[in-house]
Amino acid sequence: MQIKLVPGNSTGTVTTFYLSSQGPKHDEIDFEFLGNLSGDPYILHTNVFAQGLGNREQQFYLWFNPTLDFHTYSVLWTPNQIIFSVDGSPIRVFKNRETELGKVDSNYHYPKSQAMGVYSSLWNADDWATRGGLVKTDWTKAPFVASFRNFNAAATATSSFDAAAAEEEALESNQEQRLQWVRKNYMIYDYCGDTKRFPQGPPPECK
């Protein structure tokens, strides 16, 4: 999906592009763009839900101004892993470790068994979106407009974990280098490193 985000003062707004199933134990894969004051960077908020359980947030600054032109935001979702990409550069890889971790943590699931639809939205979330809700939406700046174009989807018939396929899906060396560059320079939050949130240690998939 190509998206051009709300320009100017976008505090309190959240522009989204996500996959989701339905129901209380839904699966979901999120791109959420948290608005900010003019001149301050957007925050790209990613999350993964499985069986209704999320709390796997990672957040990034972008290395460009996402309001000036369209940029491509992609999700590659397979039974083996989920890759979040921006303009072809992977920024996050969430692997299916259910076979391994399901034995030690009954709360660990991977989104693999529910069909998901594709959604986009632009909504007011000023109770949390900008600086934890300290900065509210300035409605004098309305209307807030984000633009979407060139949505494309492709599907495969594979529906279960495949170790051989997982190896084939591994990032190439240049992609891995790009992933590490983004994470080193632009990742600003990783739930795996949040010791206040997880004082007893990070969730098992982080280890």
N, C-alpha and C. Protein backbone atom coordinates (compact mmCIF):
# COMPACT_ATOMS: atom_id res chain seq x y z
N MET A 1 0.84 -1.18 0.00
CA MET A 1 0.00 0.00 0.00
C MET A 1 0.88 1.24 0.00
N GLN A 2 0.53 2.20 -0.85
CA GLN A 2 1.24 3.48 -0.84
C GLN A 2 0.39 4.50 -0.08
N ILE A 3 1.05 5.21 0.84
CA ILE A 3 0.35 6.15 1.71
C ILE A 3 1.12 7.46 1.76
N LYS A 4 0.38 8.57 1.73
CA LYS A 4 0.92 9.89 2.03
C LYS A 4 0.19 10.40 3.26
N LEU A 5 0.94 10.69 4.32
CA LEU A 5 0.34 10.96 5.62
C LEU A 5 -0.13 12.40 5.76
N VAL A 6 -0.91 12.63 6.81
CA VAL A 6 -1.47 13.94 7.11
C VAL A 6 -0.34 14.95 7.30
N PRO A 7 -0.33 16.04 6.55
CA PRO A 7 0.74 17.03 6.70
C PRO A 7 0.45 18.00 7.84
N GLY A 8 1.48 18.77 8.21
CA GLY A 8 1.29 19.82 9.20
C GLY A 8 1.06 19.26 10.60
N ASN A 9 0.24 19.97 11.36
CA ASN A 9 -0.05 19.57 12.74
C ASN A 9 -1.03 18.40 12.72
N SER A 10 -0.54 17.22 13.00
CA SER A 10 -1.37 16.01 12.96
C SER A 10 -1.51 15.39 14.35
N THR A 11 -1.26 16.18 15.40
CA THR A 11 -1.32 15.64 16.75
C THR A 11 -2.65 14.96 17.02
N GLY A 12 -2.57 13.82 17.70
CA GLY A 12 -3.77 13.11 18.10
C GLY A 12 -4.35 12.19 17.05
N THR A 13 -3.92 12.34 15.80
CA THR A 13 -4.45 11.50 14.73
C THR A 13 -3.63 10.24 14.57
N VAL A 14 -4.28 9.18 14.12
CA VAL A 14 -3.60 7.93 13.81
C VAL A 14 -4.08 7.47 12.43
N THR A 15 -3.15 7.32 11.52
CA THR A 15 -3.43 6.78 10.20
C THR A 15 -3.01 5.31 10.22
N THR A 16 -3.88 4.43 9.74
CA THR A 16 -3.58 3.00 9.87
C THR A 16 -3.70 2.26 8.55
N PHE A 17 -2.94 1.20 8.47
CA PHE A 17 -3.02 0.19 7.41
C PHE A 17 -2.75 -1.13 8.11
N TYR A 18 -3.75 -2.02 8.12
CA TYR A 18 -3.59 -3.23 8.94
C TYR A 18 -4.41 -4.39 8.40
N LEU A 19 -4.03 -5.58 8.84
CA LEU A 19 -4.76 -6.80 8.56
C LEU A 19 -5.43 -7.24 9.86
N SER A 20 -6.67 -7.74 9.77
CA SER A 20 -7.34 -8.18 10.98
C SER A 20 -8.42 -9.20 10.65
N SER A 21 -8.56 -10.17 11.56
CA SER A 21 -9.72 -11.06 11.53
C SER A 21 -10.77 -10.46 12.47
N GLN A 22 -11.84 -11.20 12.72
CA GLN A 22 -12.93 -10.70 13.54
C GLN A 22 -13.05 -11.52 14.82
N GLY A 23 -13.71 -10.92 15.82
CA GLY A 23 -14.00 -11.65 17.04
C GLY A 23 -13.05 -11.32 18.18
N PRO A 24 -13.40 -11.76 19.41
CA PRO A 24 -12.60 -11.43 20.59
C PRO A 24 -11.21 -12.05 20.59
N LYS A 25 -11.02 -13.14 19.86
CA LYS A 25 -9.70 -13.77 19.76
C LYS A 25 -9.14 -13.58 18.36
N HIS A 26 -9.19 -12.33 17.92
CA HIS A 26 -8.80 -12.02 16.55
C HIS A 26 -7.28 -11.99 16.40
N ASP A 27 -6.84 -12.14 15.16
CA ASP A 27 -5.45 -11.91 14.77
C ASP A 27 -5.36 -10.54 14.10
N GLU A 28 -4.20 -9.91 14.20
CA GLU A 28 -4.06 -8.56 13.62
C GLU A 28 -2.58 -8.24 13.40
N ILE A 29 -2.29 -7.56 12.30
CA ILE A 29 -0.94 -7.10 11.97
C ILE A 29 -1.05 -5.62 11.64
N ASP A 30 -0.36 -4.77 12.40
CA ASP A 30 -0.61 -3.33 12.35
C ASP A 30 0.55 -2.50 11.83
N PHE A 31 0.23 -1.57 10.94
CA PHE A 31 0.99 -0.35 10.69
C PHE A 31 0.13 0.79 11.22
N GLU A 32 0.60 1.55 12.19
CA GLU A 32 -0.11 2.72 12.68
C GLU A 32 0.85 3.90 12.72
N PHE A 33 0.41 5.02 12.18
CA PHE A 33 1.26 6.21 12.07
C PHE A 33 0.72 7.26 13.04
N LEU A 34 1.50 7.55 14.08
CA LEU A 34 1.07 8.44 15.14
C LEU A 34 1.45 9.87 14.80
N GLY A 35 0.43 10.74 14.70
CA GLY A 35 0.66 12.12 14.32
C GLY A 35 1.43 12.90 15.37
N ASN A 36 1.93 14.08 14.96
CA ASN A 36 2.72 14.89 15.86
C ASN A 36 2.60 16.36 15.48
N LEU A 37 3.22 17.21 16.30
CA LEU A 37 3.25 18.64 16.00
C LEU A 37 4.03 18.90 14.73
N SER A 38 3.72 19.99 14.06
CA SER A 38 4.44 20.36 12.85
C SER A 38 5.94 20.42 13.13
N GLY A 39 6.71 19.76 12.26
CA GLY A 39 8.16 19.75 12.41
C GLY A 39 8.70 18.59 13.22
N ASP A 40 7.83 17.94 14.02
CA ASP A 40 8.25 16.76 14.77
C ASP A 40 7.95 15.50 13.94
N PRO A 41 8.74 14.47 14.09
CA PRO A 41 8.57 13.29 13.23
C PRO A 41 7.36 12.45 13.60
N TYR A 42 6.78 11.83 12.59
CA TYR A 42 5.79 10.79 12.83
C TYR A 42 6.46 9.62 13.54
N ILE A 43 5.66 8.85 14.29
CA ILE A 43 6.10 7.58 14.85
C ILE A 43 5.34 6.47 14.15
N LEU A 44 6.08 5.51 13.60
CA LEU A 44 5.49 4.32 13.00
C LEU A 44 5.39 3.26 14.09
N HIS A 45 4.16 2.88 14.41
CA HIS A 45 3.86 1.94 15.49
C HIS A 45 3.45 0.62 14.85
N THR A 46 4.17 -0.46 15.16
CA THR A 46 3.82 -1.78 14.62
C THR A 46 3.42 -2.69 15.78
N ASN A 47 2.52 -3.63 15.47
CA ASN A 47 2.08 -4.57 16.50
C ASN A 47 1.59 -5.85 15.84
N VAL A 48 1.61 -6.93 16.60
CA VAL A 48 1.12 -8.23 16.14
C VAL A 48 0.20 -8.80 17.20
N PHE A 49 -1.02 -9.14 16.81
CA PHE A 49 -1.97 -9.82 17.69
C PHE A 49 -2.16 -11.25 17.19
N ALA A 50 -2.32 -12.17 18.15
CA ALA A 50 -2.68 -13.55 17.81
C ALA A 50 -3.60 -14.07 18.91
N GLN A 51 -4.75 -14.62 18.49
CA GLN A 51 -5.74 -15.12 19.44
C GLN A 51 -6.15 -14.04 20.44
N GLY A 52 -6.23 -12.79 19.95
CA GLY A 52 -6.68 -11.68 20.77
C GLY A 52 -5.62 -11.06 21.66
N LEU A 53 -4.41 -11.59 21.64
CA LEU A 53 -3.34 -11.08 22.49
C LEU A 53 -2.33 -10.30 21.64
N GLY A 54 -2.09 -9.04 22.03
CA GLY A 54 -1.14 -8.20 21.32
C GLY A 54 0.06 -7.87 22.20
N ASN A 55 0.25 -6.58 22.45
CA ASN A 55 1.34 -6.11 23.31
C ASN A 55 2.71 -6.50 22.78
N ARG A 56 2.86 -6.51 21.45
CA ARG A 56 4.15 -6.80 20.84
C ARG A 56 4.59 -5.59 20.00
N GLU A 57 4.58 -4.44 20.62
CA GLU A 57 4.81 -3.20 19.89
C GLU A 57 6.30 -2.94 19.62
N GLN A 58 6.57 -2.48 18.44
CA GLN A 58 7.85 -1.86 18.12
C GLN A 58 7.55 -0.57 17.38
N GLN A 59 8.32 0.49 17.70
CA GLN A 59 8.08 1.81 17.12
C GLN A 59 9.35 2.33 16.46
N PHE A 60 9.12 3.11 15.40
CA PHE A 60 10.23 3.63 14.59
C PHE A 60 9.96 5.08 14.18
N TYR A 61 11.03 5.86 14.07
CA TYR A 61 10.99 7.06 13.26
C TYR A 61 11.24 6.65 11.81
N LEU A 62 10.79 7.47 10.89
CA LEU A 62 11.07 7.24 9.48
C LEU A 62 12.25 8.10 9.04
N TRP A 63 12.95 7.68 8.01
CA TRP A 63 14.15 8.38 7.55
C TRP A 63 13.82 9.34 6.40
N PHE A 64 12.55 9.73 6.31
CA PHE A 64 12.09 10.67 5.30
C PHE A 64 10.83 11.34 5.85
N ASN A 65 10.40 12.38 5.18
CA ASN A 65 9.14 13.05 5.56
C ASN A 65 7.99 12.33 4.86
N PRO A 66 7.14 11.60 5.60
CA PRO A 66 6.10 10.78 4.97
C PRO A 66 4.88 11.57 4.52
N THR A 67 4.94 12.90 4.69
CA THR A 67 3.80 13.74 4.27
C THR A 67 4.00 14.39 2.91
N LEU A 68 5.24 14.32 2.38
CA LEU A 68 5.55 15.03 1.14
C LEU A 68 5.22 14.22 -0.11
N ASP A 69 5.24 12.90 0.02
CA ASP A 69 5.03 12.04 -1.15
C ASP A 69 4.51 10.69 -0.67
N PHE A 70 4.10 9.86 -1.61
CA PHE A 70 3.66 8.51 -1.29
C PHE A 70 4.88 7.61 -1.03
N HIS A 71 4.73 6.75 -0.02
CA HIS A 71 5.73 5.73 0.27
C HIS A 71 5.02 4.40 0.44
N THR A 72 5.75 3.32 0.20
CA THR A 72 5.16 1.99 0.17
C THR A 72 5.39 1.27 1.49
N TYR A 73 4.29 0.81 2.08
CA TYR A 73 4.31 0.08 3.35
C TYR A 73 3.76 -1.31 3.09
N SER A 74 4.55 -2.34 3.43
CA SER A 74 4.20 -3.71 3.01
C SER A 74 4.26 -4.67 4.19
N VAL A 75 3.38 -5.67 4.12
CA VAL A 75 3.40 -6.78 5.05
C VAL A 75 3.53 -8.07 4.25
N LEU A 76 4.55 -8.86 4.55
CA LEU A 76 4.67 -10.20 3.99
C LEU A 76 4.34 -11.16 5.13
N TRP A 77 3.18 -11.79 5.04
CA TRP A 77 2.69 -12.68 6.09
C TRP A 77 2.66 -14.10 5.56
N THR A 78 3.46 -14.97 6.13
CA THR A 78 3.49 -16.38 5.76
C THR A 78 3.31 -17.20 7.03
N PRO A 79 3.13 -18.50 6.91
CA PRO A 79 3.05 -19.34 8.11
C PRO A 79 4.34 -19.34 8.93
N ASN A 80 5.43 -18.85 8.34
CA ASN A 80 6.73 -18.90 9.00
C ASN A 80 7.14 -17.59 9.66
N GLN A 81 6.72 -16.45 9.08
CA GLN A 81 7.15 -15.17 9.61
C GLN A 81 6.32 -14.04 9.03
N ILE A 82 6.42 -12.89 9.70
CA ILE A 82 5.80 -11.65 9.22
C ILE A 82 6.93 -10.64 9.03
N ILE A 83 7.01 -10.06 7.85
CA ILE A 83 8.02 -9.03 7.57
C ILE A 83 7.31 -7.72 7.30
N PHE A 84 7.62 -6.70 8.10
CA PHE A 84 7.15 -5.34 7.86
C PHE A 84 8.21 -4.61 7.05
N SER A 85 7.81 -3.95 5.96
CA SER A 85 8.77 -3.25 5.12
C SER A 85 8.29 -1.84 4.79
N VAL A 86 9.25 -0.95 4.60
CA VAL A 86 8.98 0.43 4.18
C VAL A 86 9.83 0.71 2.95
N ASP A 87 9.19 1.01 1.84
CA ASP A 87 9.89 1.25 0.57
C ASP A 87 10.86 0.12 0.25
N GLY A 88 10.43 -1.10 0.54
CA GLY A 88 11.24 -2.27 0.23
C GLY A 88 12.28 -2.63 1.27
N SER A 89 12.47 -1.79 2.27
CA SER A 89 13.44 -2.08 3.33
C SER A 89 12.74 -2.75 4.50
N PRO A 90 13.14 -3.96 4.88
CA PRO A 90 12.53 -4.58 6.04
C PRO A 90 12.88 -3.81 7.31
N ILE A 91 11.88 -3.61 8.16
CA ILE A 91 12.12 -2.92 9.43
C ILE A 91 11.85 -3.82 10.63
N ARG A 92 11.09 -4.90 10.41
CA ARG A 92 10.77 -5.80 11.52
C ARG A 92 10.46 -7.18 10.97
N VAL A 93 10.96 -8.20 11.66
CA VAL A 93 10.66 -9.59 11.32
C VAL A 93 10.12 -10.26 12.58
N PHE A 94 8.90 -10.79 12.50
CA PHE A 94 8.29 -11.51 13.61
C PHE A 94 8.14 -12.96 13.18
N LYS A 95 8.88 -13.86 13.82
CA LYS A 95 8.93 -15.25 13.39
C LYS A 95 7.91 -16.12 14.13
N ASN A 96 7.46 -17.16 13.46
CA ASN A 96 6.58 -18.15 14.06
C ASN A 96 7.42 -19.10 14.90
N ARG A 97 7.32 -18.97 16.22
CA ARG A 97 8.04 -19.86 17.13
C ARG A 97 7.05 -20.65 17.99
N GLU A 98 5.85 -20.84 17.45
CA GLU A 98 4.79 -21.47 18.22
C GLU A 98 5.12 -22.90 18.62
N THR A 99 5.72 -23.67 17.71
CA THR A 99 6.07 -25.05 18.03
C THR A 99 7.02 -25.11 19.21
N GLU A 100 7.97 -24.16 19.23
CA GLU A 100 8.98 -24.13 20.29
C GLU A 100 8.44 -23.52 21.57
N LEU A 101 7.77 -22.36 21.47
CA LEU A 101 7.42 -21.59 22.66
C LEU A 101 6.07 -21.94 23.24
N GLY A 102 5.20 -22.56 22.42
CA GLY A 102 3.89 -22.92 22.93
C GLY A 102 3.96 -23.88 24.10
N LYS A 103 5.07 -24.59 24.22
CA LYS A 103 5.24 -25.54 25.31
C LYS A 103 5.59 -24.85 26.62
N VAL A 104 6.16 -23.64 26.54
CA VAL A 104 6.59 -22.95 27.76
C VAL A 104 5.74 -21.73 28.08
N ASP A 105 4.93 -21.27 27.14
CA ASP A 105 4.09 -20.10 27.36
C ASP A 105 2.78 -20.30 26.62
N SER A 106 1.73 -20.57 27.37
CA SER A 106 0.42 -20.83 26.75
C SER A 106 -0.18 -19.58 26.12
N ASN A 107 0.39 -18.40 26.43
CA ASN A 107 -0.10 -17.15 25.86
C ASN A 107 0.57 -16.80 24.54
N TYR A 108 1.58 -17.59 24.16
CA TYR A 108 2.26 -17.29 22.89
C TYR A 108 1.51 -17.97 21.74
N HIS A 109 1.13 -17.17 20.77
CA HIS A 109 0.48 -17.68 19.57
C HIS A 109 1.04 -16.93 18.37
N TYR A 110 0.90 -17.52 17.23
CA TYR A 110 1.29 -16.89 15.97
C TYR A 110 0.04 -16.82 15.09
N PRO A 111 -0.20 -15.69 14.41
CA PRO A 111 -1.41 -15.58 13.58
C PRO A 111 -1.30 -16.43 12.31
N LYS A 112 -1.99 -17.56 12.33
CA LYS A 112 -1.84 -18.48 11.20
C LYS A 112 -3.14 -19.17 10.79
N SER A 113 -4.16 -19.14 11.62
CA SER A 113 -5.34 -19.97 11.36
C SER A 113 -6.60 -19.18 11.03
N GLN A 114 -6.54 -17.85 11.06
CA GLN A 114 -7.71 -17.04 10.78
C GLN A 114 -7.47 -16.17 9.54
N ALA A 115 -8.44 -16.18 8.65
CA ALA A 115 -8.36 -15.28 7.50
C ALA A 115 -8.47 -13.84 7.99
N MET A 116 -7.70 -12.95 7.36
CA MET A 116 -7.72 -11.55 7.76
C MET A 116 -8.07 -10.67 6.56
N GLY A 117 -8.87 -9.65 6.83
CA GLY A 117 -9.14 -8.63 5.84
C GLY A 117 -8.13 -7.50 5.94
N VAL A 118 -8.12 -6.63 4.94
CA VAL A 118 -7.20 -5.49 4.90
C VAL A 118 -8.01 -4.22 5.13
N TYR A 119 -7.52 -3.36 6.03
CA TYR A 119 -8.25 -2.16 6.42
C TYR A 119 -7.32 -0.95 6.43
N SER A 120 -7.91 0.22 6.25
CA SER A 120 -7.21 1.48 6.43
C SER A 120 -8.15 2.43 7.15
N SER A 121 -7.59 3.33 7.93
CA SER A 121 -8.44 4.29 8.64
C SER A 121 -7.62 5.51 9.03
N LEU A 122 -8.33 6.56 9.39
CA LEU A 122 -7.74 7.77 9.95
C LEU A 122 -8.66 8.20 11.08
N TRP A 123 -8.17 8.20 12.31
CA TRP A 123 -9.06 8.41 13.44
C TRP A 123 -8.39 9.24 14.54
N ASN A 124 -9.22 9.74 15.44
CA ASN A 124 -8.75 10.54 16.56
C ASN A 124 -8.40 9.64 17.73
N ALA A 125 -7.14 9.67 18.15
CA ALA A 125 -6.69 8.88 19.29
C ALA A 125 -5.87 9.75 20.23
N ASP A 126 -6.38 10.96 20.49
CA ASP A 126 -5.56 11.90 21.26
C ASP A 126 -5.48 11.56 22.74
N ASP A 127 -6.10 10.45 23.16
CA ASP A 127 -5.91 10.00 24.53
C ASP A 127 -4.58 9.26 24.71
N TRP A 128 -3.90 8.91 23.56
CA TRP A 128 -2.64 8.18 23.69
C TRP A 128 -1.64 8.42 22.57
N ALA A 129 -2.08 8.91 21.42
CA ALA A 129 -1.25 8.84 20.22
C ALA A 129 -0.03 9.75 20.25
N THR A 130 -0.16 10.97 20.75
CA THR A 130 0.93 11.93 20.71
C THR A 130 1.44 12.21 22.12
N ARG A 131 2.68 11.81 22.36
CA ARG A 131 3.32 12.00 23.66
C ARG A 131 2.46 11.42 24.79
N GLY A 132 1.95 10.22 24.54
CA GLY A 132 1.17 9.54 25.56
C GLY A 132 -0.14 10.20 25.90
N GLY A 133 -0.65 11.03 24.98
CA GLY A 133 -1.91 11.71 25.20
C GLY A 133 -1.78 13.10 25.79
N LEU A 134 -0.56 13.56 26.01
CA LEU A 134 -0.36 14.90 26.58
C LEU A 134 -0.73 16.00 25.60
N VAL A 135 -0.56 15.73 24.30
CA VAL A 135 -0.88 16.73 23.28
C VAL A 135 -2.13 16.27 22.54
N LYS A 136 -3.16 17.13 22.56
CA LYS A 136 -4.45 16.76 22.00
C LYS A 136 -4.60 17.22 20.55
N THR A 137 -5.59 16.67 19.90
CA THR A 137 -5.89 17.05 18.52
C THR A 137 -6.32 18.51 18.46
N ASP A 138 -5.74 19.25 17.54
CA ASP A 138 -6.12 20.65 17.30
C ASP A 138 -7.14 20.67 16.17
N TRP A 139 -8.41 20.74 16.53
CA TRP A 139 -9.46 20.62 15.52
C TRP A 139 -9.55 21.85 14.61
N THR A 140 -8.84 22.93 14.97
CA THR A 140 -8.80 24.08 14.05
C THR A 140 -7.99 23.76 12.80
N LYS A 141 -7.19 22.67 12.85
CA LYS A 141 -6.38 22.26 11.70
C LYS A 141 -7.13 21.30 10.77
N ALA A 142 -8.33 20.91 11.16
CA ALA A 142 -9.13 20.00 10.31
C ALA A 142 -9.51 20.69 9.01
N PRO A 143 -9.77 19.93 7.93
CA PRO A 143 -9.79 18.46 7.89
C PRO A 143 -8.39 17.86 7.81
N PHE A 144 -8.27 16.66 8.38
CA PHE A 144 -7.03 15.90 8.33
C PHE A 144 -7.16 14.88 7.19
N VAL A 145 -6.22 14.94 6.26
CA VAL A 145 -6.34 14.12 5.05
C VAL A 145 -5.09 13.28 4.85
N ALA A 146 -5.27 11.97 4.77
CA ALA A 146 -4.22 11.05 4.35
C ALA A 146 -4.66 10.44 3.03
N SER A 147 -3.70 10.11 2.17
CA SER A 147 -4.02 9.58 0.85
C SER A 147 -3.46 8.17 0.69
N PHE A 148 -4.25 7.31 0.04
CA PHE A 148 -3.87 5.92 -0.18
C PHE A 148 -3.98 5.59 -1.67
N ARG A 149 -3.08 4.77 -2.17
CA ARG A 149 -3.17 4.34 -3.56
C ARG A 149 -2.39 3.05 -3.76
N ASN A 150 -2.64 2.43 -4.92
CA ASN A 150 -1.86 1.28 -5.41
C ASN A 150 -1.81 0.12 -4.41
N PHE A 151 -2.96 -0.19 -3.81
CA PHE A 151 -3.02 -1.39 -2.97
C PHE A 151 -2.85 -2.63 -3.83
N ASN A 152 -2.06 -3.57 -3.34
CA ASN A 152 -1.83 -4.80 -4.08
C ASN A 152 -1.73 -5.96 -3.09
N ALA A 153 -2.35 -7.08 -3.43
CA ALA A 153 -2.29 -8.26 -2.56
C ALA A 153 -2.04 -9.50 -3.41
N ALA A 154 -1.27 -10.43 -2.84
CA ALA A 154 -1.03 -11.72 -3.48
C ALA A 154 -1.08 -12.78 -2.40
N ALA A 155 -1.54 -13.98 -2.77
CA ALA A 155 -1.71 -15.04 -1.78
C ALA A 155 -1.08 -16.33 -2.27
N THR A 156 -0.71 -17.18 -1.29
CA THR A 156 -0.20 -18.51 -1.59
C THR A 156 -1.10 -19.53 -0.89
N ALA A 157 -0.92 -20.80 -1.23
CA ALA A 157 -1.78 -21.85 -0.67
C ALA A 157 -1.22 -22.45 0.62
N THR A 158 0.00 -22.09 0.99
CA THR A 158 0.61 -22.66 2.18
C THR A 158 -0.11 -22.21 3.43
N SER A 159 -0.38 -23.14 4.36
CA SER A 159 -1.13 -22.77 5.56
C SER A 159 -0.52 -23.30 6.85
N SER A 160 0.61 -23.96 6.79
CA SER A 160 1.23 -24.49 8.00
C SER A 160 2.73 -24.22 7.98
N PHE A 161 3.33 -24.25 9.17
CA PHE A 161 4.75 -23.98 9.28
C PHE A 161 5.56 -24.99 8.47
N ASP A 162 6.56 -24.50 7.77
CA ASP A 162 7.40 -25.34 6.92
C ASP A 162 8.84 -24.89 7.12
N ALA A 163 9.65 -25.72 7.78
CA ALA A 163 11.02 -25.34 8.10
C ALA A 163 11.83 -25.05 6.85
N ALA A 164 11.64 -25.85 5.81
CA ALA A 164 12.39 -25.63 4.56
C ALA A 164 11.98 -24.30 3.93
N ALA A 165 10.67 -24.04 3.91
CA ALA A 165 10.20 -22.77 3.35
C ALA A 165 10.70 -21.60 4.18
N ALA A 166 10.75 -21.77 5.50
CA ALA A 166 11.24 -20.70 6.37
C ALA A 166 12.67 -20.34 6.03
N GLU A 167 13.48 -21.35 5.71
CA GLU A 167 14.87 -21.09 5.35
C GLU A 167 14.94 -20.35 4.02
N GLU A 168 14.08 -20.72 3.09
CA GLU A 168 14.05 -20.04 1.79
C GLU A 168 13.59 -18.60 1.93
N GLU A 169 12.73 -18.32 2.93
CA GLU A 169 12.19 -16.98 3.12
C GLU A 169 13.14 -16.06 3.89
N ALA A 170 14.24 -16.59 4.37
CA ALA A 170 15.19 -15.78 5.14
C ALA A 170 15.65 -14.59 4.31
N LEU A 171 15.89 -13.48 4.98
CA LEU A 171 16.32 -12.28 4.29
C LEU A 171 17.67 -12.50 3.63
N GLU A 172 17.84 -11.92 2.45
CA GLU A 172 19.15 -11.93 1.81
C GLU A 172 20.08 -10.99 2.58
N SER A 173 21.37 -11.12 2.35
CA SER A 173 22.36 -10.40 3.17
C SER A 173 22.15 -8.89 3.10
N ASN A 174 21.85 -8.36 1.92
CA ASN A 174 21.64 -6.91 1.82
C ASN A 174 20.37 -6.48 2.55
N GLN A 175 19.34 -7.34 2.54
CA GLN A 175 18.12 -7.03 3.28
C GLN A 175 18.38 -7.08 4.79
N GLU A 176 19.14 -8.06 5.22
CA GLU A 176 19.47 -8.17 6.64
C GLU A 176 20.27 -6.95 7.10
N GLN A 177 21.19 -6.49 6.27
CA GLN A 177 21.96 -5.30 6.60
C GLN A 177 21.06 -4.08 6.70
N ARG A 178 20.12 -3.97 5.77
CA ARG A 178 19.20 -2.84 5.81
C ARG A 178 18.31 -2.89 7.05
N LEU A 179 17.85 -4.09 7.39
CA LEU A 179 17.05 -4.27 8.60
C LEU A 179 17.80 -3.80 9.83
N GLN A 180 19.05 -4.22 9.96
CA GLN A 180 19.84 -3.84 11.12
C GLN A 180 20.14 -2.35 11.14
N TRP A 181 20.32 -1.75 9.96
CA TRP A 181 20.54 -0.30 9.88
C TRP A 181 19.32 0.46 10.38
N VAL A 182 18.14 0.05 9.94
CA VAL A 182 16.91 0.72 10.39
C VAL A 182 16.75 0.57 11.89
N ARG A 183 16.94 -0.63 12.38
CA ARG A 183 16.72 -0.88 13.80
C ARG A 183 17.75 -0.16 14.67
N LYS A 184 18.95 -0.04 14.20
CA LYS A 184 19.98 0.66 14.97
C LYS A 184 19.73 2.17 15.00
N ASN A 185 19.29 2.72 13.89
CA ASN A 185 19.22 4.18 13.77
C ASN A 185 17.83 4.77 13.97
N TYR A 186 16.79 3.96 13.80
CA TYR A 186 15.44 4.55 13.79
C TYR A 186 14.43 3.86 14.71
N MET A 187 14.77 2.72 15.29
CA MET A 187 13.83 2.11 16.23
C MET A 187 13.91 2.84 17.56
N ILE A 188 12.74 3.25 18.08
CA ILE A 188 12.72 4.03 19.32
C ILE A 188 12.04 3.28 20.46
N TYR A 189 11.37 2.17 20.17
CA TYR A 189 10.77 1.37 21.24
C TYR A 189 10.67 -0.08 20.79
N ASP A 190 11.03 -0.98 21.71
CA ASP A 190 10.91 -2.42 21.47
C ASP A 190 10.40 -3.04 22.76
N TYR A 191 9.24 -3.65 22.69
CA TYR A 191 8.66 -4.25 23.89
C TYR A 191 9.60 -5.25 24.56
N CYS A 192 10.46 -5.86 23.77
CA CYS A 192 11.38 -6.85 24.32
C CYS A 192 12.38 -6.22 25.29
N GLY A 193 12.63 -4.93 25.17
CA GLY A 193 13.58 -4.27 26.04
C GLY A 193 12.95 -3.42 27.12
N ASP A 194 11.64 -3.55 27.30
CA ASP A 194 10.91 -2.71 28.27
C ASP A 194 10.91 -3.40 29.63
N THR A 195 11.93 -3.09 30.44
CA THR A 195 12.07 -3.74 31.75
C THR A 195 11.03 -3.26 32.76
N LYS A 196 10.52 -2.05 32.58
CA LYS A 196 9.46 -1.58 33.49
C LYS A 196 8.17 -2.35 33.24
N ARG A 197 7.91 -2.64 32.01
CA ARG A 197 6.70 -3.36 31.64
C ARG A 197 6.81 -4.84 31.96
N PHE A 198 8.02 -5.37 31.82
CA PHE A 198 8.26 -6.79 32.06
C PHE A 198 9.38 -6.95 33.09
N PRO A 199 9.11 -6.62 34.37
CA PRO A 199 10.18 -6.67 35.38
C PRO A 199 10.71 -8.07 35.64
N GLN A 200 9.91 -9.08 35.34
CA GLN A 200 10.35 -10.46 35.56
C GLN A 200 11.13 -11.02 34.36
N GLY A 201 11.33 -10.18 33.35
CA GLY A 201 12.03 -10.61 32.16
C GLY A 201 11.14 -10.51 30.94
N PRO A 202 11.71 -10.42 29.76
CA PRO A 202 10.93 -10.23 28.55
C PRO A 202 10.12 -11.48 28.20
N PRO A 203 9.09 -11.35 27.34
CA PRO A 203 8.35 -12.51 26.88
C PRO A 203 9.29 -13.51 26.21
N PRO A 204 8.89 -14.77 26.19
CA PRO A 204 9.82 -15.82 25.71
C PRO A 204 10.27 -15.66 24.27
N GLU A 205 9.42 -15.04 23.40
CA GLU A 205 9.83 -14.90 22.00
C GLU A 205 10.96 -13.90 21.83
N CYS A 206 11.23 -13.12 22.90
CA CYS A 206 12.32 -12.12 22.84
C CYS A 206 13.67 -12.73 23.12
N LYS A 207 13.69 -13.93 23.66
CA LYS A 207 14.95 -14.53 24.11
C LYS A 207 15.62 -15.31 22.98
